[in-house]
Amino acid sequence: MIMRTNALLAFFVLAAAGAAQAETVKPVAAQPINLGGVTGIAYYTVEPNGYRVVATLGARDEATAVRLDVTLGEGQSVVLSSPRGVGETAETVTLAREAGRIVVYEQGAAVTN
């Protein structure tokens, strides 16, 4: 289990090392997400009752990961955030279902490839 978790976290770190930009995600294609000290990936699948979005996040220096699993209907979104220092704005990533696709927004700006 520890080896699997470490491999998963290594993947997160490598995914986060790429350019951080918001983009439209294709079904089942992993999209890196970055919340400062917490990084991970998100993907979605098309289900009969909506788009099932799965995001797995972990701190770079920790072996424990957290997973979010939510089904979004058209026009719905979910916000992931990581607090920063007192008086500082939190790091945010929004996963939104728009026009039959999932769009990732970092700090409110759409990331595109």
PDB file of N, CA and C in Angstrom:
ATOM      1  N   MET A   1       0.828  -1.191   0.000  1.00  0.00           N
ATOM      2  CA  MET A   1       0.000   0.000   0.000  1.00  0.00           C
ATOM      3  C   MET A   1       0.873   1.256   0.000  1.00  0.00           C
ATOM      4  N   ILE A   2       1.932   1.270   0.829  1.00  0.00           N
ATOM      5  CA  ILE A   2       2.818   2.433   0.883  1.00  0.00           C
ATOM      6  C   ILE A   2       3.503   2.624  -0.461  1.00  0.00           C
ATOM      7  N   MET A   3       3.919   1.531  -1.096  1.00  0.00           N
ATOM      8  CA  MET A   3       4.584   1.632  -2.392  1.00  0.00           C
ATOM      9  C   MET A   3       3.622   2.211  -3.437  1.00  0.00           C
ATOM     10  N   ARG A   4       2.370   1.749  -3.390  1.00  0.00           N
ATOM     11  CA  ARG A   4       1.375   2.262  -4.338  1.00  0.00           C
ATOM     12  C   ARG A   4       1.144   3.753  -4.107  1.00  0.00           C
ATOM     13  N   THR A   5       1.031   4.147  -2.832  1.00  0.00           N
ATOM     14  CA  THR A   5       0.816   5.560  -2.505  1.00  0.00           C
ATOM     15  C   THR A   5       2.006   6.393  -2.951  1.00  0.00           C
ATOM     16  N   ASN A   6       3.229   5.910  -2.713  1.00  0.00           N
ATOM     17  CA  ASN A   6       4.424   6.650  -3.132  1.00  0.00           C
ATOM     18  C   ASN A   6       4.488   6.774  -4.646  1.00  0.00           C
ATOM     19  N   ALA A   7       4.111   5.724  -5.364  1.00  0.00           N
ATOM     20  CA  ALA A   7       4.103   5.793  -6.825  1.00  0.00           C
ATOM     21  C   ALA A   7       3.071   6.812  -7.300  1.00  0.00           C
ATOM     22  N   LEU A   8       1.911   6.829  -6.635  1.00  0.00           N
ATOM     23  CA  LEU A   8       0.873   7.791  -6.978  1.00  0.00           C
ATOM     24  C   LEU A   8       1.357   9.211  -6.731  1.00  0.00           C
ATOM     25  N   LEU A   9       1.999   9.451  -5.599  1.00  0.00           N
ATOM     26  CA  LEU A   9       2.508  10.787  -5.298  1.00  0.00           C
ATOM     27  C   LEU A   9       3.620  11.190  -6.252  1.00  0.00           C
ATOM     28  N   ALA A  10       4.459  10.243  -6.643  1.00  0.00           N
ATOM     29  CA  ALA A  10       5.513  10.552  -7.612  1.00  0.00           C
ATOM     30  C   ALA A  10       4.879  11.002  -8.925  1.00  0.00           C
ATOM     31  N   PHE A  11       3.782  10.354  -9.311  1.00  0.00           N
ATOM     32  CA  PHE A  11       3.073  10.761 -10.523  1.00  0.00           C
ATOM     33  C   PHE A  11       2.550  12.188 -10.384  1.00  0.00           C
ATOM     34  N   PHE A  12       1.985  12.522  -9.189  1.00  0.00           N
ATOM     35  CA  PHE A  12       1.477  13.875  -8.948  1.00  0.00           C
ATOM     36  C   PHE A  12       2.578  14.904  -9.123  1.00  0.00           C
ATOM     37  N   VAL A  13       3.741  14.634  -8.545  1.00  0.00           N
ATOM     38  CA  VAL A  13       4.845  15.593  -8.614  1.00  0.00           C
ATOM     39  C   VAL A  13       5.282  15.790 -10.056  1.00  0.00           C
ATOM     40  N   LEU A  14       5.396  14.698 -10.804  1.00  0.00           N
ATOM     41  CA  LEU A  14       5.784  14.806 -12.212  1.00  0.00           C
ATOM     42  C   LEU A  14       4.716  15.536 -13.020  1.00  0.00           C
ATOM     43  N   ALA A  15       3.453  15.263 -12.737  1.00  0.00           N
ATOM     44  CA  ALA A  15       2.381  15.934 -13.461  1.00  0.00           C
ATOM     45  C   ALA A  15       2.364  17.417 -13.158  1.00  0.00           C
ATOM     46  N   ALA A  16       2.633  17.775 -11.915  1.00  0.00           N
ATOM     47  CA  ALA A  16       2.617  19.184 -11.523  1.00  0.00           C
ATOM     48  C   ALA A  16       3.832  19.935 -12.041  1.00  0.00           C
ATOM     49  N   ALA A  17       4.887  19.220 -12.392  1.00  0.00           N
ATOM     50  CA  ALA A  17       6.099  19.872 -12.877  1.00  0.00           C
ATOM     51  C   ALA A  17       5.902  20.514 -14.245  1.00  0.00           C
ATOM     52  N   GLY A  18       4.891  20.049 -14.992  1.00  0.00           N
ATOM     53  CA  GLY A  18       4.599  20.640 -16.293  1.00  0.00           C
ATOM     54  C   GLY A  18       4.005  22.028 -16.124  1.00  0.00           C
ATOM     55  N   ALA A  19       3.840  22.728 -17.218  1.00  0.00           N
ATOM     56  CA  ALA A  19       3.291  24.087 -17.163  1.00  0.00           C
ATOM     57  C   ALA A  19       1.883  24.056 -16.591  1.00  0.00           C
ATOM     58  N   ALA A  20       1.634  24.884 -15.600  1.00  0.00           N
ATOM     59  CA  ALA A  20       0.307  24.962 -14.984  1.00  0.00           C
ATOM     60  C   ALA A  20      -0.565  25.866 -15.830  1.00  0.00           C
ATOM     61  N   GLN A  21      -1.575  25.298 -16.456  1.00  0.00           N
ATOM     62  CA  GLN A  21      -2.480  26.078 -17.274  1.00  0.00           C
ATOM     63  C   GLN A  21      -3.847  25.420 -17.256  1.00  0.00           C
ATOM     64  N   ALA A  22      -4.906  26.200 -17.400  1.00  0.00           N
ATOM     65  CA  ALA A  22      -6.270  25.663 -17.390  1.00  0.00           C
ATOM     66  C   ALA A  22      -6.590  25.103 -18.753  1.00  0.00           C
ATOM     67  N   GLU A  23      -7.360  24.044 -18.798  1.00  0.00           N
ATOM     68  CA  GLU A  23      -7.682  23.467 -20.092  1.00  0.00           C
ATOM     69  C   GLU A  23      -8.932  22.622 -20.044  1.00  0.00           C
ATOM     70  N   THR A  24      -9.447  22.331 -21.229  1.00  0.00           N
ATOM     71  CA  THR A  24     -10.568  21.424 -21.363  1.00  0.00           C
ATOM     72  C   THR A  24     -10.014  20.010 -21.261  1.00  0.00           C
ATOM     73  N   VAL A  25     -10.662  19.200 -20.465  1.00  0.00           N
ATOM     74  CA  VAL A  25     -10.210  17.824 -20.239  1.00  0.00           C
ATOM     75  C   VAL A  25     -11.038  16.891 -21.114  1.00  0.00           C
ATOM     76  N   LYS A  26     -10.394  15.911 -21.722  1.00  0.00           N
ATOM     77  CA  LYS A  26     -11.098  14.902 -22.506  1.00  0.00           C
ATOM     78  C   LYS A  26     -11.470  13.756 -21.565  1.00  0.00           C
ATOM     79  N   PRO A  27     -12.556  13.039 -21.859  1.00  0.00           N
ATOM     80  CA  PRO A  27     -12.938  11.924 -20.985  1.00  0.00           C
ATOM     81  C   PRO A  27     -11.777  10.955 -20.756  1.00  0.00           C
ATOM     82  N   VAL A  28     -11.591  10.573 -19.531  1.00  0.00           N
ATOM     83  CA  VAL A  28     -10.604   9.618 -19.042  1.00  0.00           C
ATOM     84  C   VAL A  28      -9.158  10.114 -19.159  1.00  0.00           C
ATOM     85  N   ALA A  29      -8.910  11.283 -19.728  1.00  0.00           N
ATOM     86  CA  ALA A  29      -7.557  11.829 -19.828  1.00  0.00           C
ATOM     87  C   ALA A  29      -7.223  12.577 -18.528  1.00  0.00           C
ATOM     88  N   ALA A  30      -6.110  12.237 -17.925  1.00  0.00           N
ATOM     89  CA  ALA A  30      -5.702  12.873 -16.671  1.00  0.00           C
ATOM     90  C   ALA A  30      -5.244  14.308 -16.905  1.00  0.00           C
ATOM     91  N   GLN A  31      -5.705  15.209 -16.050  1.00  0.00           N
ATOM     92  CA  GLN A  31      -5.336  16.624 -16.099  1.00  0.00           C
ATOM     93  C   GLN A  31      -4.626  16.970 -14.795  1.00  0.00           C
ATOM     94  N   PRO A  32      -3.370  17.433 -14.838  1.00  0.00           N
ATOM     95  CA  PRO A  32      -2.707  17.827 -13.588  1.00  0.00           C
ATOM     96  C   PRO A  32      -3.376  19.048 -12.974  1.00  0.00           C
ATOM     97  N   ILE A  33      -3.452  19.079 -11.643  1.00  0.00           N
ATOM     98  CA  ILE A  33      -3.966  20.242 -10.935  1.00  0.00           C
ATOM     99  C   ILE A  33      -2.969  20.628  -9.853  1.00  0.00           C
ATOM    100  N   ASN A  34      -2.881  21.924  -9.579  1.00  0.00           N
ATOM    101  CA  ASN A  34      -1.874  22.439  -8.655  1.00  0.00           C
ATOM    102  C   ASN A  34      -2.526  23.413  -7.683  1.00  0.00           C
ATOM    103  N   LEU A  35      -2.428  23.111  -6.395  1.00  0.00           N
ATOM    104  CA  LEU A  35      -2.934  23.983  -5.345  1.00  0.00           C
ATOM    105  C   LEU A  35      -1.778  24.390  -4.431  1.00  0.00           C
ATOM    106  N   GLY A  36      -0.700  24.850  -5.008  1.00  0.00           N
ATOM    107  CA  GLY A  36       0.466  25.222  -4.208  1.00  0.00           C
ATOM    108  C   GLY A  36       1.189  23.990  -3.700  1.00  0.00           C
ATOM    109  N   GLY A  37       1.138  23.750  -2.386  1.00  0.00           N
ATOM    110  CA  GLY A  37       1.805  22.589  -1.792  1.00  0.00           C
ATOM    111  C   GLY A  37       1.060  21.286  -1.993  1.00  0.00           C
ATOM    112  N   VAL A  38      -0.136  21.347  -2.572  1.00  0.00           N
ATOM    113  CA  VAL A  38      -0.942  20.157  -2.831  1.00  0.00           C
ATOM    114  C   VAL A  38      -1.127  20.045  -4.337  1.00  0.00           C
ATOM    115  N   THR A  39      -0.792  18.888  -4.882  1.00  0.00           N
ATOM    116  CA  THR A  39      -0.922  18.673  -6.321  1.00  0.00           C
ATOM    117  C   THR A  39      -1.643  17.368  -6.579  1.00  0.00           C
ATOM    118  N   GLY A  40      -2.061  17.166  -7.806  1.00  0.00           N
ATOM    119  CA  GLY A  40      -2.724  15.916  -8.137  1.00  0.00           C
ATOM    120  C   GLY A  40      -3.169  15.879  -9.573  1.00  0.00           C
ATOM    121  N   ILE A  41      -4.131  15.007  -9.819  1.00  0.00           N
ATOM    122  CA  ILE A  41      -4.694  14.843 -11.153  1.00  0.00           C
ATOM    123  C   ILE A  41      -6.206  14.766 -11.051  1.00  0.00           C
ATOM    124  N   ALA A  42      -6.874  15.085 -12.155  1.00  0.00           N
ATOM    125  CA  ALA A  42      -8.320  14.936 -12.246  1.00  0.00           C
ATOM    126  C   ALA A  42      -8.655  14.321 -13.598  1.00  0.00           C
ATOM    127  N   TYR A  43      -9.710  13.528 -13.615  1.00  0.00           N
ATOM    128  CA  TYR A  43     -10.209  12.975 -14.866  1.00  0.00           C
ATOM    129  C   TYR A  43     -11.710  12.819 -14.723  1.00  0.00           C
ATOM    130  N   TYR A  44     -12.401  12.577 -15.833  1.00  0.00           N
ATOM    131  CA  TYR A  44     -13.834  12.301 -15.734  1.00  0.00           C
ATOM    132  C   TYR A  44     -14.243  11.208 -16.700  1.00  0.00           C
ATOM    133  N   THR A  45     -15.373  10.604 -16.384  1.00  0.00           N
ATOM    134  CA  THR A  45     -15.996   9.629 -17.259  1.00  0.00           C
ATOM    135  C   THR A  45     -17.449  10.047 -17.463  1.00  0.00           C
ATOM    136  N   VAL A  46     -17.991   9.698 -18.602  1.00  0.00           N
ATOM    137  CA  VAL A  46     -19.384  10.015 -18.908  1.00  0.00           C
ATOM    138  C   VAL A  46     -20.250   8.889 -18.354  1.00  0.00           C
ATOM    139  N   GLU A  47     -21.163   9.251 -17.448  1.00  0.00           N
ATOM    140  CA  GLU A  47     -22.062   8.296 -16.804  1.00  0.00           C
ATOM    141  C   GLU A  47     -23.493   8.632 -17.195  1.00  0.00           C
ATOM    142  N   PRO A  48     -24.438   7.721 -17.021  1.00  0.00           N
ATOM    143  CA  PRO A  48     -25.835   7.995 -17.398  1.00  0.00           C
ATOM    144  C   PRO A  48     -26.440   9.213 -16.683  1.00  0.00           C
ATOM    145  N   ASN A  49     -26.035   9.481 -15.440  1.00  0.00           N
ATOM    146  CA  ASN A  49     -26.628  10.593 -14.684  1.00  0.00           C
ATOM    147  C   ASN A  49     -25.743  11.837 -14.628  1.00  0.00           C
ATOM    148  N   GLY A  50     -24.670  11.888 -15.417  1.00  0.00           N
ATOM    149  CA  GLY A  50     -23.800  13.064 -15.447  1.00  0.00           C
ATOM    150  C   GLY A  50     -22.356  12.681 -15.690  1.00  0.00           C
ATOM    151  N   TYR A  51     -21.473  13.657 -15.548  1.00  0.00           N
ATOM    152  CA  TYR A  51     -20.044  13.399 -15.707  1.00  0.00           C
ATOM    153  C   TYR A  51     -19.457  13.133 -14.326  1.00  0.00           C
ATOM    154  N   ARG A  52     -18.865  11.979 -14.149  1.00  0.00           N
ATOM    155  CA  ARG A  52     -18.239  11.617 -12.882  1.00  0.00           C
ATOM    156  C   ARG A  52     -16.807  12.143 -12.901  1.00  0.00           C
ATOM    157  N   VAL A  53     -16.544  13.115 -12.040  1.00  0.00           N
ATOM    158  CA  VAL A  53     -15.233  13.741 -11.954  1.00  0.00           C
ATOM    159  C   VAL A  53     -14.508  13.173 -10.733  1.00  0.00           C
ATOM    160  N   VAL A  54     -13.278  12.720 -10.934  1.00  0.00           N
ATOM    161  CA  VAL A  54     -12.462  12.179  -9.848  1.00  0.00           C
ATOM    162  C   VAL A  54     -11.168  12.989  -9.788  1.00  0.00           C
ATOM    163  N   ALA A  55     -10.878  13.555  -8.631  1.00  0.00           N
ATOM    164  CA  ALA A  55      -9.634  14.298  -8.425  1.00  0.00           C
ATOM    165  C   ALA A  55      -8.910  13.667  -7.243  1.00  0.00           C
ATOM    166  N   THR A  56      -7.642  13.368  -7.414  1.00  0.00           N
ATOM    167  CA  THR A  56      -6.819  12.814  -6.346  1.00  0.00           C
ATOM    168  C   THR A  56      -5.705  13.808  -6.057  1.00  0.00           C
ATOM    169  N   LEU A  57      -5.576  14.186  -4.781  1.00  0.00           N
ATOM    170  CA  LEU A  57      -4.630  15.218  -4.363  1.00  0.00           C
ATOM    171  C   LEU A  57      -3.761  14.724  -3.224  1.00  0.00           C
ATOM    172  N   GLY A  58      -2.529  15.213  -3.202  1.00  0.00           N
ATOM    173  CA  GLY A  58      -1.625  14.893  -2.102  1.00  0.00           C
ATOM    174  C   GLY A  58      -0.576  15.974  -1.957  1.00  0.00           C
ATOM    175  N   ALA A  59      -0.098  16.142  -0.734  1.00  0.00           N
ATOM    176  CA  ALA A  59       0.994  17.085  -0.490  1.00  0.00           C
ATOM    177  C   ALA A  59       2.283  16.455  -0.999  1.00  0.00           C
ATOM    178  N   ARG A  60       3.168  17.277  -1.511  1.00  0.00           N
ATOM    179  CA  ARG A  60       4.414  16.763  -2.087  1.00  0.00           C
ATOM    180  C   ARG A  60       5.251  16.000  -1.070  1.00  0.00           C
ATOM    181  N   ASP A  61       5.177  16.381   0.192  1.00  0.00           N
ATOM    182  CA  ASP A  61       6.023  15.757   1.198  1.00  0.00           C
ATOM    183  C   ASP A  61       5.280  14.765   2.088  1.00  0.00           C
ATOM    184  N   GLU A  62       4.062  14.379   1.724  1.00  0.00           N
ATOM    185  CA  GLU A  62       3.270  13.447   2.511  1.00  0.00           C
ATOM    186  C   GLU A  62       2.921  12.220   1.670  1.00  0.00           C
ATOM    187  N   ALA A  63       2.716  11.090   2.350  1.00  0.00           N
ATOM    188  CA  ALA A  63       2.366   9.856   1.651  1.00  0.00           C
ATOM    189  C   ALA A  63       0.853   9.640   1.573  1.00  0.00           C
ATOM    190  N   THR A  64       0.067  10.494   2.216  1.00  0.00           N
ATOM    191  CA  THR A  64      -1.388  10.342   2.231  1.00  0.00           C
ATOM    192  C   THR A  64      -2.016  11.191   1.134  1.00  0.00           C
ATOM    193  N   ALA A  65      -2.909  10.585   0.400  1.00  0.00           N
ATOM    194  CA  ALA A  65      -3.622  11.297  -0.666  1.00  0.00           C
ATOM    195  C   ALA A  65      -5.102  11.383  -0.308  1.00  0.00           C
ATOM    196  N   VAL A  66      -5.790  12.354  -0.914  1.00  0.00           N
ATOM    197  CA  VAL A  66      -7.227  12.539  -0.724  1.00  0.00           C
ATOM    198  C   VAL A  66      -7.876  12.491  -2.101  1.00  0.00           C
ATOM    199  N   ARG A  67      -9.040  11.846  -2.175  1.00  0.00           N
ATOM    200  CA  ARG A  67      -9.741  11.744  -3.450  1.00  0.00           C
ATOM    201  C   ARG A  67     -11.128  12.373  -3.334  1.00  0.00           C
ATOM    202  N   LEU A  68     -11.487  13.148  -4.346  1.00  0.00           N
ATOM    203  CA  LEU A  68     -12.823  13.719  -4.491  1.00  0.00           C
ATOM    204  C   LEU A  68     -13.488  12.985  -5.640  1.00  0.00           C
ATOM    205  N   ASP A  69     -14.718  12.539  -5.440  1.00  0.00           N
ATOM    206  CA  ASP A  69     -15.466  11.824  -6.467  1.00  0.00           C
ATOM    207  C   ASP A  69     -16.855  12.443  -6.505  1.00  0.00           C
ATOM    208  N   VAL A  70     -17.190  13.164  -7.592  1.00  0.00           N
ATOM    209  CA  VAL A  70     -18.450  13.890  -7.683  1.00  0.00           C
ATOM    210  C   VAL A  70     -19.003  13.762  -9.095  1.00  0.00           C
ATOM    211  N   THR A  71     -20.327  13.711  -9.206  1.00  0.00           N
ATOM    212  CA  THR A  71     -20.968  13.680 -10.516  1.00  0.00           C
ATOM    213  C   THR A  71     -21.565  15.056 -10.797  1.00  0.00           C
ATOM    214  N   LEU A  72     -21.182  15.654 -11.922  1.00  0.00           N
ATOM    215  CA  LEU A  72     -21.626  17.001 -12.281  1.00  0.00           C
ATOM    216  C   LEU A  72     -22.617  16.971 -13.430  1.00  0.00           C
ATOM    217  N   GLY A  73     -23.728  17.665 -13.258  1.00  0.00           N
ATOM    218  CA  GLY A  73     -24.676  17.886 -14.344  1.00  0.00           C
ATOM    219  C   GLY A  73     -24.248  19.131 -15.108  1.00  0.00           C
ATOM    220  N   GLU A  74     -24.866  19.369 -16.250  1.00  0.00           N
ATOM    221  CA  GLU A  74     -24.536  20.554 -17.055  1.00  0.00           C
ATOM    222  C   GLU A  74     -24.697  21.821 -16.212  1.00  0.00           C
ATOM    223  N   GLY A  75     -23.679  22.698 -16.250  1.00  0.00           N
ATOM    224  CA  GLY A  75     -23.706  23.956 -15.512  1.00  0.00           C
ATOM    225  C   GLY A  75     -23.237  23.850 -14.062  1.00  0.00           C
ATOM    226  N   GLN A  76     -22.916  22.669 -13.582  1.00  0.00           N
ATOM    227  CA  GLN A  76     -22.446  22.509 -12.210  1.00  0.00           C
ATOM    228  C   GLN A  76     -20.928  22.542 -12.158  1.00  0.00           C
ATOM    229  N   SER A  77     -20.391  22.864 -10.973  1.00  0.00           N
ATOM    230  CA  SER A  77     -18.940  22.893 -10.788  1.00  0.00           C
ATOM    231  C   SER A  77     -18.599  22.524  -9.355  1.00  0.00           C
ATOM    232  N   VAL A  78     -17.333  22.236  -9.141  1.00  0.00           N
ATOM    233  CA  VAL A  78     -16.814  21.959  -7.803  1.00  0.00           C
ATOM    234  C   VAL A  78     -15.496  22.719  -7.671  1.00  0.00           C
ATOM    235  N   VAL A  79     -15.277  23.311  -6.496  1.00  0.00           N
ATOM    236  CA  VAL A  79     -14.070  24.095  -6.246  1.00  0.00           C
ATOM    237  C   VAL A  79     -13.198  23.361  -5.244  1.00  0.00           C
ATOM    238  N   LEU A  80     -11.919  23.214  -5.581  1.00  0.00           N
ATOM    239  CA  LEU A  80     -10.919  22.678  -4.667  1.00  0.00           C
ATOM    240  C   LEU A  80     -10.056  23.861  -4.241  1.00  0.00           C
ATOM    241  N   SER A  81      -9.763  23.975  -2.955  1.00  0.00           N
ATOM    242  CA  SER A  81      -8.944  25.102  -2.516  1.00  0.00           C
ATOM    243  C   SER A  81      -7.965  24.675  -1.447  1.00  0.00           C
ATOM    244  N   SER A  82      -6.886  25.416  -1.364  1.00  0.00           N
ATOM    245  CA  SER A  82      -5.848  25.190  -0.365  1.00  0.00           C
ATOM    246  C   SER A  82      -5.541  26.537   0.284  1.00  0.00           C
ATOM    247  N   PRO A  83      -5.718  26.637   1.616  1.00  0.00           N
ATOM    248  CA  PRO A  83      -5.471  27.921   2.272  1.00  0.00           C
ATOM    249  C   PRO A  83      -4.003  28.310   2.218  1.00  0.00           C
ATOM    250  N   ARG A  84      -3.764  29.610   2.312  1.00  0.00           N
ATOM    251  CA  ARG A  84      -2.401  30.132   2.371  1.00  0.00           C
ATOM    252  C   ARG A  84      -2.265  30.898   3.670  1.00  0.00           C
ATOM    253  N   GLY A  85      -1.365  31.823   3.730  1.00  0.00           N
ATOM    254  CA  GLY A  85      -1.137  32.599   4.943  1.00  0.00           C
ATOM    255  C   GLY A  85      -2.284  33.552   5.248  1.00  0.00           C
ATOM    256  N   VAL A  86      -2.288  34.087   6.451  1.00  0.00           N
ATOM    257  CA  VAL A  86      -3.299  35.043   6.877  1.00  0.00           C
ATOM    258  C   VAL A  86      -3.306  36.235   5.925  1.00  0.00           C
ATOM    259  N   GLY A  87      -4.493  36.599   5.446  1.00  0.00           N
ATOM    260  CA  GLY A  87      -4.626  37.728   4.538  1.00  0.00           C
ATOM    261  C   GLY A  87      -4.323  37.404   3.088  1.00  0.00           C
ATOM    262  N   GLU A  88      -3.918  36.179   2.789  1.00  0.00           N
ATOM    263  CA  GLU A  88      -3.619  35.783   1.412  1.00  0.00           C
ATOM    264  C   GLU A  88      -4.788  35.000   0.823  1.00  0.00           C
ATOM    265  N   THR A  89      -5.010  35.151  -0.465  1.00  0.00           N
ATOM    266  CA  THR A  89      -6.067  34.427  -1.157  1.00  0.00           C
ATOM    267  C   THR A  89      -5.691  32.952  -1.283  1.00  0.00           C
ATOM    268  N   ALA A  90      -6.662  32.073  -1.084  1.00  0.00           N
ATOM    269  CA  ALA A  90      -6.424  30.630  -1.201  1.00  0.00           C
ATOM    270  C   ALA A  90      -6.103  30.256  -2.643  1.00  0.00           C
ATOM    271  N   GLU A  91      -5.307  29.214  -2.813  1.00  0.00           N
ATOM    272  CA  GLU A  91      -5.081  28.621  -4.136  1.00  0.00           C
ATOM    273  C   GLU A  91      -6.366  27.889  -4.502  1.00  0.00           C
ATOM    274  N   THR A  92      -6.888  28.071  -5.713  1.00  0.00           N
ATOM    275  CA  THR A  92      -8.126  27.397  -6.102  1.00  0.00           C
ATOM    276  C   THR A  92      -8.030  26.760  -7.479  1.00  0.00           C
ATOM    277  N   VAL A  93      -8.734  25.667  -7.625  1.00  0.00           N
ATOM    278  CA  VAL A  93      -8.943  25.012  -8.916  1.00  0.00           C
ATOM    279  C   VAL A  93     -10.429  24.683  -8.973  1.00  0.00           C
ATOM    280  N   THR A  94     -11.088  25.091 -10.050  1.00  0.00           N
ATOM    281  CA  THR A  94     -12.502  24.807 -10.250  1.00  0.00           C
ATOM    282  C   THR A  94     -12.643  23.846 -11.416  1.00  0.00           C
ATOM    283  N   LEU A  95     -13.396  22.777 -11.215  1.00  0.00           N
ATOM    284  CA  LEU A  95     -13.704  21.822 -12.271  1.00  0.00           C
ATOM    285  C   LEU A  95     -15.167  22.061 -12.626  1.00  0.00           C
ATOM    286  N   ALA A  96     -15.443  22.500 -13.858  1.00  0.00           N
ATOM    287  CA  ALA A  96     -16.795  22.886 -14.256  1.00  0.00           C
ATOM    288  C   ALA A  96     -17.246  22.114 -15.489  1.00  0.00           C
ATOM    289  N   ARG A  97     -18.519  21.734 -15.488  1.00  0.00           N
ATOM    290  CA  ARG A  97     -19.099  21.115 -16.686  1.00  0.00           C
ATOM    291  C   ARG A  97     -19.785  22.214 -17.471  1.00  0.00           C
ATOM    292  N   GLU A  98     -19.245  22.493 -18.652  1.00  0.00           N
ATOM    293  CA  GLU A  98     -19.745  23.566 -19.516  1.00  0.00           C
ATOM    294  C   GLU A  98     -19.862  23.069 -20.946  1.00  0.00           C
ATOM    295  N   ALA A  99     -21.017  23.225 -21.523  1.00  0.00           N
ATOM    296  CA  ALA A  99     -21.249  22.865 -22.931  1.00  0.00           C
ATOM    297  C   ALA A  99     -20.794  21.439 -23.241  1.00  0.00           C
ATOM    298  N   GLY A 100     -21.129  20.497 -22.359  1.00  0.00           N
ATOM    299  CA  GLY A 100     -20.824  19.097 -22.605  1.00  0.00           C
ATOM    300  C   GLY A 100     -19.364  18.731 -22.460  1.00  0.00           C
ATOM    301  N   ARG A 101     -18.610  19.511 -21.699  1.00  0.00           N
ATOM    302  CA  ARG A 101     -17.195  19.207 -21.475  1.00  0.00           C
ATOM    303  C   ARG A 101     -16.810  19.629 -20.061  1.00  0.00           C
ATOM    304  N   ILE A 102     -15.661  19.189 -19.603  1.00  0.00           N
ATOM    305  CA  ILE A 102     -15.131  19.603 -18.308  1.00  0.00           C
ATOM    306  C   ILE A 102     -14.021  20.610 -18.571  1.00  0.00           C
ATOM    307  N   VAL A 103     -14.121  21.761 -17.907  1.00  0.00           N
ATOM    308  CA  VAL A 103     -13.117  22.809 -18.034  1.00  0.00           C
ATOM    309  C   VAL A 103     -12.476  23.010 -16.669  1.00  0.00           C
ATOM    310  N   VAL A 104     -11.151  23.152 -16.647  1.00  0.00           N
ATOM    311  CA  VAL A 104     -10.411  23.365 -15.417  1.00  0.00           C
ATOM    312  C   VAL A 104     -10.005  24.832 -15.346  1.00  0.00           C
ATOM    313  N   TYR A 105     -10.336  25.478 -14.236  1.00  0.00           N
ATOM    314  CA  TYR A 105      -9.978  26.873 -13.995  1.00  0.00           C
ATOM    315  C   TYR A 105      -9.031  26.926 -12.811  1.00  0.00           C
ATOM    316  N   GLU A 106      -7.877  27.555 -12.981  1.00  0.00           N
ATOM    317  CA  GLU A 106      -6.953  27.778 -11.877  1.00  0.00           C
ATOM    318  C   GLU A 106      -7.008  29.260 -11.522  1.00  0.00           C
ATOM    319  N   GLN A 107      -7.280  29.559 -10.254  1.00  0.00           N
ATOM    320  CA  GLN A 107      -7.385  30.938  -9.772  1.00  0.00           C
ATOM    321  C   GLN A 107      -8.383  31.733 -10.627  1.00  0.00           C
ATOM    322  N   GLY A 108      -9.448  31.079 -11.097  1.00  0.00           N
ATOM    323  CA  GLY A 108     -10.496  31.756 -11.838  1.00  0.00           C
ATOM    324  C   GLY A 108     -10.275  31.876 -13.334  1.00  0.00           C
ATOM    325  N   ALA A 109      -9.094  31.525 -13.835  1.00  0.00           N
ATOM    326  CA  ALA A 109      -8.794  31.642 -15.269  1.00  0.00           C
ATOM    327  C   ALA A 109      -8.808  30.269 -15.913  1.00  0.00           C
ATOM    328  N   ALA A 110      -9.463  30.153 -17.056  1.00  0.00           N
ATOM    329  CA  ALA A 110      -9.506  28.872 -17.772  1.00  0.00           C
ATOM    330  C   ALA A 110      -8.110  28.546 -18.295  1.00  0.00           C
ATOM    331  N   VAL A 111      -7.746  27.292 -18.156  1.00  0.00           N
ATOM    332  CA  VAL A 111      -6.466  26.808 -18.666  1.00  0.00           C
ATOM    333  C   VAL A 111      -6.737  26.128 -19.998  1.00  0.00           C
ATOM    334  N   THR A 112      -6.004  26.497 -21.032  1.00  0.00           N
ATOM    335  CA  THR A 112      -6.214  25.882 -22.337  1.00  0.00           C
ATOM    336  C   THR A 112      -4.880  25.380 -22.895  1.00  0.00           C
ATOM    337  N   ASN A 113      -4.954  24.347 -23.674  1.00  0.00           N
ATOM    338  CA  ASN A 113      -3.759  23.807 -24.349  1.00  0.00           C
ATOM    339  C   ASN A 113      -3.589  24.476 -25.676  1.00  0.00           C
TER     340      ASN A 113
END
